[in-house]
Amino acid sequence: MPFVAGSFVLPAVALGFGAAAIALWIYFRRLLQGTTLLAAWWWMLLSLGVLAISEAWLLAGDVSPAVSQSVRFLTATSSFCPLMAVLGARRPQHQAWTFVVATLWGILAMPAAEKLLLQPNQPLEIRDARSWFLLLLLAISWANYLPTRYGAAACLAGAGQTLVLWPYLPWTSPQAWELAPLVGLGCCAAAIGLATWIGPGREAATGADRLWFDFRNLYGALWALRGLEQFNTSAEQNDWPVRLGWSGFQATQEEQPAALPAPARQAWANILRRFLPQERIGRESGLQLD
C-alpha cells in the first residue's frame, strides 16, 4: 500500500466515518427503546466499531496484503449480524437468538480466522459458493427495508455494505479496489444519518395504523408480512369487517370506516406485544394490557 503507508489522512477519515456513524446510531437508539431490536442495535454498534478501527489500522500500518485481506473479511462479515438479529427479534426467543447471530458470524468469518491463525502469510481465497451466499445475504439486507419509510436509507446502507464486502463478491477478487471498504464505511455513516433525519413519522390517523407503521418501518418487510398474514387470517376466520394492507387497515366494504372492533384490536395487540413495548401498544390501541 505505498500510497497510504505512513499517512494519517485516510486512517483519520476511517475513524471519522466510524465516529459519526456510532454517534448517529446512539441517537437513533431512542426509537428502539422497549422493543426487541436492542440486540440488533448492539450488533450494529459492534460492527461499526470493528469496521472503523480495523480499517484505520490497515490504512495506517505496514500490514501485509494477506493479513489485510483476512482482517477486512473478518470485520466485513460482522455487517450481517444486525440483519440476523432482526430476523430473530420476537419474544420470547429474541434473547437466546444472540447465540445464533454469533454462530453465523463465526461460520462466515471462518476462512479469515483460519488464515490469520494458521497461515497468516497466505492470501485469502473465498470460494464461489461462499461469495454467492454473501451476495444473497446482501440482497436480503437491502430488500427487507426497501419498501419501508427507511427505503432510501436502506439503499445507501446496501451500497455501503456492498463496498465493504466488494473484494469478496463473486465478480471481484481480494485485490480489488483497495479503498472500497473505506468508501463503504462512509456510505453506512450517511445511511444512518439519513435514517435519523427521516425519523419514524406519524403519517397514520389512527392508533392501530400508527402501530402498524412503527412495526413495519422498524422491523422491515419480512416480519411485517408475517404480522399482516397473521392478522388477516384471524380477520377472515372471525369475519371482521377490516383487513390489514401495506398502507394500513382497510374496511372490507368501501362505504364503511376502517374501524377495528374490540376483538380485532386485541388480536392486533397480541401480535405486536411480541415485538413492541406494551406501553406503546396500550396507548395507541386503547387496550389495557397485562
C-alpha atoms as a PDB file:
ATOM      1  CA  MET A   1       0.000   0.000   0.000  1.00  0.00           C
ATOM      2  CA  PRO A   2       2.643   2.574  -0.997  1.00  0.00           C
ATOM      3  CA  PHE A   3       0.209   5.453  -1.375  1.00  0.00           C
ATOM      4  CA  VAL A   4      -1.252   5.127   2.109  1.00  0.00           C
ATOM      5  CA  ALA A   5       1.510   3.650   4.247  1.00  0.00           C
ATOM      6  CA  GLY A   6       2.592   6.090   6.902  1.00  0.00           C
ATOM      7  CA  SER A   7      -0.192   8.524   6.068  1.00  0.00           C
ATOM      8  CA  PHE A   8      -2.565   9.770   8.747  1.00  0.00           C
ATOM      9  CA  VAL A   9      -5.219  11.201   6.416  1.00  0.00           C
ATOM     10  CA  LEU A  10      -7.011   8.013   5.378  1.00  0.00           C
ATOM     11  CA  PRO A  11      -6.904   6.446   8.862  1.00  0.00           C
ATOM     12  CA  ALA A  12      -8.346   9.675  10.246  1.00  0.00           C
ATOM     13  CA  VAL A  13     -11.092   9.567   7.632  1.00  0.00           C
ATOM     14  CA  ALA A  14     -11.916   5.976   8.611  1.00  0.00           C
ATOM     15  CA  LEU A  15     -12.099   6.896  12.287  1.00  0.00           C
ATOM     16  CA  GLY A  16     -14.160   9.973  11.440  1.00  0.00           C
ATOM     17  CA  PHE A  17     -16.670   7.928   9.462  1.00  0.00           C
ATOM     18  CA  GLY A  18     -16.858   5.407  12.288  1.00  0.00           C
ATOM     19  CA  ALA A  19     -17.282   8.048  14.988  1.00  0.00           C
ATOM     20  CA  ALA A  20     -20.029   9.801  13.020  1.00  0.00           C
ATOM     21  CA  ALA A  21     -21.862   6.544  12.371  1.00  0.00           C
ATOM     22  CA  ILE A  22     -21.645   5.465  16.017  1.00  0.00           C
ATOM     23  CA  ALA A  23     -22.785   8.861  17.307  1.00  0.00           C
ATOM     24  CA  LEU A  24     -25.787   8.869  14.973  1.00  0.00           C
ATOM     25  CA  TRP A  25     -26.593   5.264  15.840  1.00  0.00           C
ATOM     26  CA  ILE A  26     -26.566   6.054  19.558  1.00  0.00           C
ATOM     27  CA  TYR A  27     -29.021   8.882  18.876  1.00  0.00           C
ATOM     28  CA  PHE A  28     -31.223   6.508  16.840  1.00  0.00           C
ATOM     29  CA  ARG A  29     -31.490   4.154  19.825  1.00  0.00           C
ATOM     30  CA  ARG A  30     -34.334   6.152  21.329  1.00  0.00           C
ATOM     31  CA  LEU A  31     -36.668   4.811  18.635  1.00  0.00           C
ATOM     32  CA  LEU A  32     -35.923   1.237  19.685  1.00  0.00           C
ATOM     33  CA  GLN A  33     -36.413   1.629  23.430  1.00  0.00           C
ATOM     34  CA  GLY A  34     -38.520  -1.196  24.809  1.00  0.00           C
ATOM     35  CA  THR A  35     -38.571  -3.149  21.549  1.00  0.00           C
ATOM     36  CA  THR A  36     -36.906  -6.475  20.797  1.00  0.00           C
ATOM     37  CA  LEU A  37     -34.477  -4.722  18.431  1.00  0.00           C
ATOM     38  CA  LEU A  38     -31.957  -3.690  21.078  1.00  0.00           C
ATOM     39  CA  ALA A  39     -29.829  -6.757  20.373  1.00  0.00           C
ATOM     40  CA  ALA A  40     -29.703  -5.770  16.695  1.00  0.00           C
ATOM     41  CA  TRP A  41     -28.750  -2.254  17.809  1.00  0.00           C
ATOM     42  CA  TRP A  42     -25.804  -3.624  19.808  1.00  0.00           C
ATOM     43  CA  TRP A  43     -24.671  -5.803  16.913  1.00  0.00           C
ATOM     44  CA  MET A  44     -24.713  -2.780  14.624  1.00  0.00           C
ATOM     45  CA  LEU A  45     -22.695  -0.792  17.139  1.00  0.00           C
ATOM     46  CA  LEU A  46     -20.121  -3.609  17.341  1.00  0.00           C
ATOM     47  CA  SER A  47     -19.916  -3.910  13.567  1.00  0.00           C
ATOM     48  CA  LEU A  48     -19.399  -0.174  13.061  1.00  0.00           C
ATOM     49  CA  GLY A  49     -16.693  -0.151  15.715  1.00  0.00           C
ATOM     50  CA  VAL A  50     -14.663  -3.064  14.365  1.00  0.00           C
ATOM     51  CA  LEU A  51     -15.015  -1.838  10.770  1.00  0.00           C
ATOM     52  CA  ALA A  52     -13.758   1.650  11.604  1.00  0.00           C
ATOM     53  CA  ILE A  53     -10.913   0.567  13.891  1.00  0.00           C
ATOM     54  CA  SER A  54      -9.660  -2.203  11.621  1.00  0.00           C
ATOM     55  CA  GLU A  55      -9.800  -0.018   8.526  1.00  0.00           C
ATOM     56  CA  ALA A  56      -7.885   2.773  10.257  1.00  0.00           C
ATOM     57  CA  TRP A  57      -5.257   0.292  11.422  1.00  0.00           C
ATOM     58  CA  LEU A  58      -4.842  -1.284   7.993  1.00  0.00           C
ATOM     59  CA  LEU A  59      -4.553   2.077   6.256  1.00  0.00           C
ATOM     60  CA  ALA A  60      -2.057   3.419   8.783  1.00  0.00           C
ATOM     61  CA  GLY A  61       0.179   0.405   9.348  1.00  0.00           C
ATOM     62  CA  ASP A  62       2.607  -1.540   7.205  1.00  0.00           C
ATOM     63  CA  VAL A  63       0.414  -4.634   7.078  1.00  0.00           C
ATOM     64  CA  SER A  64       0.967  -7.426   4.572  1.00  0.00           C
ATOM     65  CA  PRO A  65      -1.676  -7.845   1.847  1.00  0.00           C
ATOM     66  CA  ALA A  66      -2.514 -11.330   3.099  1.00  0.00           C
ATOM     67  CA  VAL A  67      -3.245 -10.115   6.619  1.00  0.00           C
ATOM     68  CA  SER A  68      -5.200  -7.124   5.286  1.00  0.00           C
ATOM     69  CA  GLN A  69      -7.430  -9.390   3.212  1.00  0.00           C
ATOM     70  CA  SER A  70      -8.209 -11.644   6.162  1.00  0.00           C
ATOM     71  CA  VAL A  71      -8.820  -8.818   8.631  1.00  0.00           C
ATOM     72  CA  ARG A  72     -11.098  -6.982   6.221  1.00  0.00           C
ATOM     73  CA  PHE A  73     -13.128 -10.104   5.534  1.00  0.00           C
ATOM     74  CA  LEU A  74     -13.374 -10.890   9.250  1.00  0.00           C
ATOM     75  CA  THR A  75     -14.735  -7.450  10.071  1.00  0.00           C
ATOM     76  CA  ALA A  76     -16.855  -7.097   6.913  1.00  0.00           C
ATOM     77  CA  THR A  77     -18.863 -10.223   7.725  1.00  0.00           C
ATOM     78  CA  SER A  78     -19.877  -8.625  11.024  1.00  0.00           C
ATOM     79  CA  SER A  79     -22.170  -6.368   8.978  1.00  0.00           C
ATOM     80  CA  PHE A  80     -24.616  -9.275   8.580  1.00  0.00           C
ATOM     81  CA  CYS A  81     -25.093  -9.649  12.340  1.00  0.00           C
ATOM     82  CA  PRO A  82     -27.670  -6.835  12.710  1.00  0.00           C
ATOM     83  CA  LEU A  83     -29.876  -8.332   9.998  1.00  0.00           C
ATOM     84  CA  MET A  84     -29.721 -11.783  11.555  1.00  0.00           C
ATOM     85  CA  ALA A  85     -30.592 -10.249  14.943  1.00  0.00           C
ATOM     86  CA  VAL A  86     -33.656  -8.573  13.387  1.00  0.00           C
ATOM     87  CA  LEU A  87     -34.815 -11.899  11.938  1.00  0.00           C
ATOM     88  CA  GLY A  88     -34.896 -13.387  15.433  1.00  0.00           C
ATOM     89  CA  ALA A  89     -36.289 -10.320  17.224  1.00  0.00           C
ATOM     90  CA  ARG A  90     -39.501 -11.817  18.575  1.00  0.00           C
ATOM     91  CA  ARG A  91     -40.326 -12.553  22.183  1.00  0.00           C
ATOM     92  CA  PRO A  92     -39.517 -14.814  23.926  1.00  0.00           C
ATOM     93  CA  GLN A  93     -36.652 -16.234  21.836  1.00  0.00           C
ATOM     94  CA  HIS A  94     -35.027 -12.890  20.997  1.00  0.00           C
ATOM     95  CA  GLN A  95     -32.536 -13.086  23.865  1.00  0.00           C
ATOM     96  CA  ALA A  96     -31.290 -16.591  23.077  1.00  0.00           C
ATOM     97  CA  TRP A  97     -31.108 -15.634  19.396  1.00  0.00           C
ATOM     98  CA  THR A  98     -27.871 -13.771  20.117  1.00  0.00           C
ATOM     99  CA  PHE A  99     -26.049 -17.104  20.114  1.00  0.00           C
ATOM    100  CA  VAL A 100     -27.432 -17.846  16.633  1.00  0.00           C
ATOM    101  CA  VAL A 101     -26.142 -14.484  15.408  1.00  0.00           C
ATOM    102  CA  ALA A 102     -22.694 -15.100  16.871  1.00  0.00           C
ATOM    103  CA  THR A 103     -22.625 -18.555  15.287  1.00  0.00           C
ATOM    104  CA  LEU A 104     -23.452 -17.141  11.868  1.00  0.00           C
ATOM    105  CA  TRP A 105     -20.643 -14.609  12.154  1.00  0.00           C
ATOM    106  CA  GLY A 106     -18.253 -17.390  13.157  1.00  0.00           C
ATOM    107  CA  ILE A 107     -19.232 -19.501  10.159  1.00  0.00           C
ATOM    108  CA  LEU A 108     -18.967 -16.613   7.704  1.00  0.00           C
ATOM    109  CA  ALA A 109     -15.634 -15.413   9.063  1.00  0.00           C
ATOM    110  CA  MET A 110     -14.077 -18.873   9.479  1.00  0.00           C
ATOM    111  CA  PRO A 111     -11.848 -18.716   6.347  1.00  0.00           C
ATOM    112  CA  ALA A 112     -10.308 -15.435   7.518  1.00  0.00           C
ATOM    113  CA  ALA A 113      -9.847 -16.663  11.095  1.00  0.00           C
ATOM    114  CA  GLU A 114      -8.144 -19.824   9.868  1.00  0.00           C
ATOM    115  CA  LYS A 115      -5.756 -17.823   7.678  1.00  0.00           C
ATOM    116  CA  LEU A 116      -4.855 -15.411  10.467  1.00  0.00           C
ATOM    117  CA  LEU A 117      -4.224 -18.176  12.987  1.00  0.00           C
ATOM    118  CA  LEU A 118      -2.680 -20.906  10.826  1.00  0.00           C
ATOM    119  CA  GLN A 119      -1.413 -19.317   7.606  1.00  0.00           C
ATOM    120  CA  PRO A 120      -1.028 -15.580   8.152  1.00  0.00           C
ATOM    121  CA  ASN A 121       1.222 -15.125   5.118  1.00  0.00           C
ATOM    122  CA  GLN A 122      -1.090 -16.899   2.680  1.00  0.00           C
ATOM    123  CA  PRO A 123      -3.624 -14.896   0.634  1.00  0.00           C
ATOM    124  CA  LEU A 124      -7.284 -15.348   1.466  1.00  0.00           C
ATOM    125  CA  GLU A 125      -9.373 -17.315  -1.013  1.00  0.00           C
ATOM    126  CA  ILE A 126     -13.150 -17.050  -0.870  1.00  0.00           C
ATOM    127  CA  ARG A 127     -14.724 -19.779  -2.950  1.00  0.00           C
ATOM    128  CA  ASP A 128     -17.676 -19.216  -5.246  1.00  0.00           C
ATOM    129  CA  ALA A 129     -20.325 -20.806  -3.012  1.00  0.00           C
ATOM    130  CA  ARG A 130     -19.438 -18.562  -0.079  1.00  0.00           C
ATOM    131  CA  SER A 131     -19.256 -15.486  -2.315  1.00  0.00           C
ATOM    132  CA  TRP A 132     -22.726 -16.123  -3.716  1.00  0.00           C
ATOM    133  CA  PHE A 133     -24.060 -16.703  -0.200  1.00  0.00           C
ATOM    134  CA  LEU A 134     -22.684 -13.301   0.808  1.00  0.00           C
ATOM    135  CA  LEU A 135     -24.452 -11.784  -2.177  1.00  0.00           C
ATOM    136  CA  LEU A 136     -27.715 -13.447  -1.131  1.00  0.00           C
ATOM    137  CA  LEU A 137     -27.407 -12.021   2.380  1.00  0.00           C
ATOM    138  CA  LEU A 138     -26.728  -8.590   0.889  1.00  0.00           C
ATOM    139  CA  ALA A 139     -29.900  -8.814  -1.171  1.00  0.00           C
ATOM    140  CA  ILE A 140     -31.976  -9.806   1.874  1.00  0.00           C
ATOM    141  CA  SER A 141     -30.499  -6.978   3.952  1.00  0.00           C
ATOM    142  CA  TRP A 142     -31.358  -4.420   1.274  1.00  0.00           C
ATOM    143  CA  ALA A 143     -34.798  -5.798   0.390  1.00  0.00           C
ATOM    144  CA  ASN A 144     -36.022  -6.068   3.985  1.00  0.00           C
ATOM    145  CA  TYR A 145     -36.220  -2.296   4.462  1.00  0.00           C
ATOM    146  CA  LEU A 146     -36.607  -1.157   0.856  1.00  0.00           C
ATOM    147  CA  PRO A 147     -40.469  -0.921   0.946  1.00  0.00           C
ATOM    148  CA  THR A 148     -40.498   0.887   4.312  1.00  0.00           C
ATOM    149  CA  ARG A 149     -40.154   4.529   5.301  1.00  0.00           C
ATOM    150  CA  TYR A 150     -36.395   3.915   5.521  1.00  0.00           C
ATOM    151  CA  GLY A 151     -36.129   2.664   1.932  1.00  0.00           C
ATOM    152  CA  ALA A 152     -33.729   5.400   0.796  1.00  0.00           C
ATOM    153  CA  ALA A 153     -31.506   4.814   3.812  1.00  0.00           C
ATOM    154  CA  ALA A 154     -31.637   1.071   3.096  1.00  0.00           C
ATOM    155  CA  CYS A 155     -30.363   1.684  -0.443  1.00  0.00           C
ATOM    156  CA  LEU A 156     -27.484   3.768   0.875  1.00  0.00           C
ATOM    157  CA  ALA A 157     -26.685   1.203   3.555  1.00  0.00           C
ATOM    158  CA  GLY A 158     -26.855  -1.579   0.978  1.00  0.00           C
ATOM    159  CA  ALA A 159     -24.366   0.273  -1.213  1.00  0.00           C
ATOM    160  CA  GLY A 160     -22.058   0.745   1.766  1.00  0.00           C
ATOM    161  CA  GLN A 161     -22.264  -2.887   2.800  1.00  0.00           C
ATOM    162  CA  THR A 162     -21.610  -3.974  -0.786  1.00  0.00           C
ATOM    163  CA  LEU A 163     -18.486  -1.812  -0.920  1.00  0.00           C
ATOM    164  CA  VAL A 164     -17.256  -3.147   2.416  1.00  0.00           C
ATOM    165  CA  LEU A 165     -17.610  -6.669   1.025  1.00  0.00           C
ATOM    166  CA  TRP A 166     -16.611  -5.731  -2.534  1.00  0.00           C
ATOM    167  CA  PRO A 167     -13.300  -7.663  -2.695  1.00  0.00           C
ATOM    168  CA  TYR A 168     -15.044 -10.907  -1.734  1.00  0.00           C
ATOM    169  CA  LEU A 169     -18.085 -10.899  -4.014  1.00  0.00           C
ATOM    170  CA  PRO A 170     -18.335 -13.309  -6.975  1.00  0.00           C
ATOM    171  CA  TRP A 171     -17.267 -10.858  -9.691  1.00  0.00           C
ATOM    172  CA  THR A 172     -14.259  -9.386  -7.853  1.00  0.00           C
ATOM    173  CA  SER A 173     -11.137 -10.544  -6.037  1.00  0.00           C
ATOM    174  CA  PRO A 174      -9.346  -9.699  -2.757  1.00  0.00           C
ATOM    175  CA  GLN A 175      -7.022  -7.483  -4.832  1.00  0.00           C
ATOM    176  CA  ALA A 176      -9.946  -5.310  -5.981  1.00  0.00           C
ATOM    177  CA  TRP A 177     -10.337  -1.577  -5.293  1.00  0.00           C
ATOM    178  CA  GLU A 178      -8.480  -1.078  -2.031  1.00  0.00           C
ATOM    179  CA  LEU A 179     -10.443   1.942  -0.833  1.00  0.00           C
ATOM    180  CA  ALA A 180     -13.831   0.285  -1.356  1.00  0.00           C
ATOM    181  CA  PRO A 181     -14.211  -0.609   2.369  1.00  0.00           C
ATOM    182  CA  LEU A 182     -13.415   2.971   3.388  1.00  0.00           C
ATOM    183  CA  VAL A 183     -15.981   4.414   0.968  1.00  0.00           C
ATOM    184  CA  GLY A 184     -18.453   1.759   2.126  1.00  0.00           C
ATOM    185  CA  LEU A 185     -17.979   2.823   5.729  1.00  0.00           C
ATOM    186  CA  GLY A 186     -18.748   6.390   4.702  1.00  0.00           C
ATOM    187  CA  CYS A 187     -21.928   5.242   2.950  1.00  0.00           C
ATOM    188  CA  CYS A 188     -23.018   3.404   6.100  1.00  0.00           C
ATOM    189  CA  ALA A 189     -22.498   6.540   8.173  1.00  0.00           C
ATOM    190  CA  ALA A 190     -24.525   8.547   5.649  1.00  0.00           C
ATOM    191  CA  ALA A 191     -27.294   5.911   5.702  1.00  0.00           C
ATOM    192  CA  ILE A 192     -27.619   6.125   9.480  1.00  0.00           C
ATOM    193  CA  GLY A 193     -27.682   9.910   9.243  1.00  0.00           C
ATOM    194  CA  LEU A 194     -30.427   9.756   6.634  1.00  0.00           C
ATOM    195  CA  ALA A 195     -32.486   7.305   8.709  1.00  0.00           C
ATOM    196  CA  THR A 196     -32.129   9.566  11.738  1.00  0.00           C
ATOM    197  CA  TRP A 197     -33.218  12.592   9.714  1.00  0.00           C
ATOM    198  CA  ILE A 198     -36.219  10.741   8.233  1.00  0.00           C
ATOM    199  CA  GLY A 199     -37.400   9.642  11.685  1.00  0.00           C
ATOM    200  CA  PRO A 200     -40.354   7.392  12.449  1.00  0.00           C
ATOM    201  CA  GLY A 201     -43.022   9.686  11.013  1.00  0.00           C
ATOM    202  CA  ARG A 202     -46.602   9.923  12.222  1.00  0.00           C
ATOM    203  CA  GLU A 203     -48.434   9.672   8.927  1.00  0.00           C
ATOM    204  CA  ALA A 204     -51.268   7.496  10.270  1.00  0.00           C
ATOM    205  CA  ALA A 205     -54.502   8.923  11.641  1.00  0.00           C
ATOM    206  CA  THR A 206     -55.481   6.042  13.930  1.00  0.00           C
ATOM    207  CA  GLY A 207     -53.591   4.365  16.725  1.00  0.00           C
ATOM    208  CA  ALA A 208     -53.819   0.955  15.060  1.00  0.00           C
ATOM    209  CA  ASP A 209     -52.298   2.328  11.867  1.00  0.00           C
ATOM    210  CA  ARG A 210     -49.566   4.122  13.781  1.00  0.00           C
ATOM    211  CA  LEU A 211     -48.638   0.835  15.447  1.00  0.00           C
ATOM    212  CA  TRP A 212     -48.590  -0.860  12.053  1.00  0.00           C
ATOM    213  CA  PHE A 213     -46.284   1.752  10.545  1.00  0.00           C
ATOM    214  CA  ASP A 214     -43.973   1.671  13.559  1.00  0.00           C
ATOM    215  CA  PHE A 215     -43.772  -2.107  13.342  1.00  0.00           C
ATOM    216  CA  ARG A 216     -43.381  -2.185   9.563  1.00  0.00           C
ATOM    217  CA  ASN A 217     -40.708   0.506   9.411  1.00  0.00           C
ATOM    218  CA  LEU A 218     -38.615  -0.763  12.329  1.00  0.00           C
ATOM    219  CA  TYR A 219     -38.726  -4.498  11.636  1.00  0.00           C
ATOM    220  CA  GLY A 220     -38.816  -4.494   7.848  1.00  0.00           C
ATOM    221  CA  ALA A 221     -40.778  -6.401   5.265  1.00  0.00           C
ATOM    222  CA  LEU A 222     -40.109  -9.950   6.480  1.00  0.00           C
ATOM    223  CA  TRP A 223     -41.678  -9.515   9.921  1.00  0.00           C
ATOM    224  CA  ALA A 224     -44.283  -7.056   8.629  1.00  0.00           C
ATOM    225  CA  LEU A 225     -45.625  -9.512   6.064  1.00  0.00           C
ATOM    226  CA  ARG A 226     -45.770 -12.218   8.706  1.00  0.00           C
ATOM    227  CA  GLY A 227     -47.755  -9.975  11.062  1.00  0.00           C
ATOM    228  CA  LEU A 228     -50.034  -8.897   8.232  1.00  0.00           C
ATOM    229  CA  GLU A 229     -50.733 -12.519   7.333  1.00  0.00           C
ATOM    230  CA  GLN A 230     -51.494 -13.440  10.940  1.00  0.00           C
ATOM    231  CA  PHE A 231     -53.977 -10.620  11.400  1.00  0.00           C
ATOM    232  CA  ASN A 232     -55.756 -11.176   8.093  1.00  0.00           C
ATOM    233  CA  THR A 233     -56.072 -14.900   8.784  1.00  0.00           C
ATOM    234  CA  SER A 234     -57.786 -14.118  12.096  1.00  0.00           C
ATOM    235  CA  ALA A 235     -59.938 -11.465  10.404  1.00  0.00           C
ATOM    236  CA  GLU A 236     -61.196 -13.946   7.824  1.00  0.00           C
ATOM    237  CA  GLN A 237     -61.855 -16.633  10.402  1.00  0.00           C
ATOM    238  CA  ASN A 238     -63.828 -14.251  12.622  1.00  0.00           C
ATOM    239  CA  ASP A 239     -65.469 -12.292   9.803  1.00  0.00           C
ATOM    240  CA  TRP A 240     -64.154  -8.925  10.977  1.00  0.00           C
ATOM    241  CA  PRO A 241     -65.064  -6.049   8.614  1.00  0.00           C
ATOM    242  CA  VAL A 242     -61.447  -4.920   8.221  1.00  0.00           C
ATOM    243  CA  ARG A 243     -58.223  -6.146   6.637  1.00  0.00           C
ATOM    244  CA  LEU A 244     -54.622  -5.086   7.029  1.00  0.00           C
ATOM    245  CA  GLY A 245     -52.724  -3.964   3.936  1.00  0.00           C
ATOM    246  CA  TRP A 246     -49.282  -2.485   3.421  1.00  0.00           C
ATOM    247  CA  SER A 247     -50.751   1.030   3.706  1.00  0.00           C
ATOM    248  CA  GLY A 248     -52.741   0.298   6.861  1.00  0.00           C
ATOM    249  CA  PHE A 249     -56.129  -1.041   7.892  1.00  0.00           C
ATOM    250  CA  GLN A 250     -58.902  -1.021   5.303  1.00  0.00           C
ATOM    251  CA  ALA A 251     -62.609  -1.802   5.570  1.00  0.00           C
ATOM    252  CA  THR A 252     -63.890  -4.731   3.565  1.00  0.00           C
ATOM    253  CA  GLN A 253     -66.820  -2.550   2.415  1.00  0.00           C
ATOM    254  CA  GLU A 254     -65.950   0.738   0.744  1.00  0.00           C
ATOM    255  CA  GLU A 255     -68.731   2.680   2.448  1.00  0.00           C
ATOM    256  CA  GLN A 256     -67.626   1.571   5.917  1.00  0.00           C
ATOM    257  CA  PRO A 257     -64.882   3.183   8.024  1.00  0.00           C
ATOM    258  CA  ALA A 258     -61.781   1.105   8.718  1.00  0.00           C
ATOM    259  CA  ALA A 259     -62.542   0.842  12.430  1.00  0.00           C
ATOM    260  CA  LEU A 260     -61.277  -2.184  14.336  1.00  0.00           C
ATOM    261  CA  PRO A 261     -63.787  -3.935  16.567  1.00  0.00           C
ATOM    262  CA  ALA A 262     -62.574  -4.744  20.068  1.00  0.00           C
ATOM    263  CA  PRO A 263     -61.638  -8.388  19.290  1.00  0.00           C
ATOM    264  CA  ALA A 264     -59.643  -7.245  16.262  1.00  0.00           C
ATOM    265  CA  ARG A 265     -57.809  -4.638  18.312  1.00  0.00           C
ATOM    266  CA  GLN A 266     -56.999  -7.275  20.906  1.00  0.00           C
ATOM    267  CA  ALA A 267     -55.716  -9.682  18.246  1.00  0.00           C
ATOM    268  CA  TRP A 268     -53.546  -6.953  16.722  1.00  0.00           C
ATOM    269  CA  ALA A 269     -52.171  -6.052  20.135  1.00  0.00           C
ATOM    270  CA  ASN A 270     -51.365  -9.701  20.838  1.00  0.00           C
ATOM    271  CA  ILE A 271     -49.329  -9.900  17.637  1.00  0.00           C
ATOM    272  CA  LEU A 272     -47.389  -6.722  18.365  1.00  0.00           C
ATOM    273  CA  ARG A 273     -46.688  -7.397  22.034  1.00  0.00           C
ATOM    274  CA  ARG A 274     -44.057  -9.912  20.929  1.00  0.00           C
ATOM    275  CA  PHE A 275     -42.116  -7.039  19.346  1.00  0.00           C
ATOM    276  CA  LEU A 276     -43.079  -3.606  20.673  1.00  0.00           C
ATOM    277  CA  PRO A 277     -43.288  -2.329  24.269  1.00  0.00           C
ATOM    278  CA  GLN A 278     -46.640  -2.913  25.942  1.00  0.00           C
ATOM    279  CA  GLU A 279     -46.901   0.724  26.993  1.00  0.00           C
ATOM    280  CA  ARG A 280     -46.823   1.885  23.372  1.00  0.00           C
ATOM    281  CA  ILE A 281     -49.312  -0.763  22.277  1.00  0.00           C
ATOM    282  CA  GLY A 282     -51.722   0.064  25.087  1.00  0.00           C
ATOM    283  CA  ARG A 283     -51.500   3.787  24.441  1.00  0.00           C
ATOM    284  CA  GLU A 284     -52.182   3.508  20.720  1.00  0.00           C
ATOM    285  CA  SER A 285     -54.747   0.692  20.822  1.00  0.00           C
ATOM    286  CA  GLY A 286     -56.684   1.882  23.874  1.00  0.00           C
ATOM    287  CA  LEU A 287     -56.416  -1.557  25.457  1.00  0.00           C
ATOM    288  CA  GLN A 288     -55.287  -2.387  28.975  1.00  0.00           C
ATOM    289  CA  LEU A 289     -52.543  -4.986  28.589  1.00  0.00           C
ATOM    290  CA  ASP A 290     -51.237  -7.173  31.393  1.00  0.00           C
END
